[in-house]
Amino acid sequence: MVGEITQTINATTPGYTSWYDMKQRCNNPDNKSYDRYGGLGITYCEHWSLFHHFIEDMGERPEGSTLELINPNGNYELSNCRWIK
């Protein structure tokens, strides 16, 4: 298809796992953490709906770190997230 963008995503990378888990916490009522995130209205910026945008902004997750909300009542977006150990 003309103009189609194809991207290969390695779903086993630490960054992908963090991105996927973030989306599950915000969107999936069956997720064990949903009540503390999506259930409270916490979401993620539309730009981060696509994995490659998340990685462009945050970079790959450093070994031994996790994605943290700087303001725990805020949304997942570049200005409110960091990798912490």
Protein backbone atom coordinates (compact mmCIF):
# COMPACT_ATOMS: atom_id res chain seq x y z
CA MET A 1 0.00 0.00 0.00
CA VAL A 2 1.39 3.40 -0.95
CA GLY A 3 2.34 5.59 2.01
CA GLU A 4 1.82 2.82 4.54
CA ILE A 5 4.16 2.99 7.49
CA THR A 6 5.29 -0.37 8.74
CA GLN A 7 6.93 -0.74 12.13
CA THR A 8 8.22 -3.84 13.80
CA ILE A 9 7.63 -3.81 17.53
CA ASN A 10 9.60 -6.08 19.82
CA ALA A 11 7.00 -6.85 22.46
CA THR A 12 9.64 -8.34 24.74
CA THR A 13 11.54 -5.12 25.43
CA PRO A 14 11.33 -3.55 28.90
CA GLY A 15 9.97 -0.33 27.35
CA TYR A 16 7.16 -2.18 25.60
CA THR A 17 6.24 -3.96 28.81
CA SER A 18 6.05 -0.63 30.68
CA TRP A 19 3.96 0.96 27.90
CA TYR A 20 1.59 -2.01 27.75
CA ASP A 21 1.21 -2.13 31.54
CA MET A 22 0.53 1.64 31.65
CA LYS A 23 -2.27 1.23 29.13
CA GLN A 24 -3.73 -1.73 31.02
CA ARG A 25 -3.74 0.17 34.34
CA CYS A 26 -5.62 3.02 32.68
CA ASN A 27 -8.00 1.16 30.36
CA ASN A 28 -8.72 -2.34 31.63
CA PRO A 29 -11.17 -2.63 34.54
CA ASP A 30 -10.01 -6.24 34.98
CA ASN A 31 -6.41 -5.13 35.63
CA LYS A 32 -5.44 -5.47 39.32
CA SER A 33 -4.22 -1.84 39.39
CA TYR A 34 -7.11 -0.26 37.49
CA ASP A 35 -8.81 1.01 40.68
CA ARG A 36 -5.72 3.10 41.50
CA TYR A 37 -5.30 4.49 37.97
CA GLY A 38 -8.07 4.32 35.37
CA GLY A 39 -10.70 3.98 38.08
CA LEU A 40 -9.55 7.33 39.47
CA GLY A 41 -9.57 8.97 36.05
CA ILE A 42 -5.83 8.69 35.39
CA THR A 43 -5.11 8.21 31.72
CA TYR A 44 -2.25 8.75 29.26
CA CYS A 45 -1.76 11.38 26.60
CA GLU A 46 -3.15 10.56 23.17
CA HIS A 47 0.36 10.80 21.70
CA TRP A 48 1.35 7.76 23.78
CA SER A 49 -1.41 5.61 22.30
CA LEU A 50 1.30 4.45 19.89
CA PHE A 51 4.30 2.64 21.33
CA HIS A 52 6.86 4.33 19.10
CA HIS A 53 5.76 7.76 20.36
CA PHE A 54 6.15 6.61 23.96
CA ILE A 55 9.70 5.35 23.27
CA GLU A 56 10.61 8.50 21.33
CA ASP A 57 9.64 10.57 24.37
CA MET A 58 10.83 8.36 27.24
CA GLY A 59 13.60 6.30 25.67
CA GLU A 60 14.02 2.61 26.42
CA ARG A 61 13.48 1.67 30.06
CA PRO A 62 16.84 1.49 31.88
CA GLU A 63 17.62 -1.86 33.46
CA GLY A 64 16.14 -2.23 36.92
CA SER A 65 13.87 0.81 36.63
CA THR A 66 10.13 1.38 36.47
CA LEU A 67 7.83 4.05 35.07
CA GLU A 68 6.79 6.54 37.73
CA LEU A 69 4.21 9.30 37.79
CA ILE A 70 5.87 12.39 39.28
CA ASN A 71 2.45 13.62 40.43
CA PRO A 72 0.61 10.40 41.35
CA ASN A 73 -2.74 12.11 40.69
CA GLY A 74 -1.71 13.29 37.22
CA ASN A 75 -1.81 11.55 33.87
CA TYR A 76 0.86 9.63 32.04
CA GLU A 77 2.56 12.23 29.83
CA LEU A 78 6.13 13.32 29.23
CA SER A 79 6.02 16.17 31.77
CA ASN A 80 4.74 13.85 34.51
CA CYS A 81 6.74 10.65 33.99
CA ARG A 82 10.25 9.41 34.68
CA TRP A 83 12.16 6.17 35.00
CA ILE A 84 13.17 5.40 38.58
CA LYS A 85 15.13 2.58 40.23
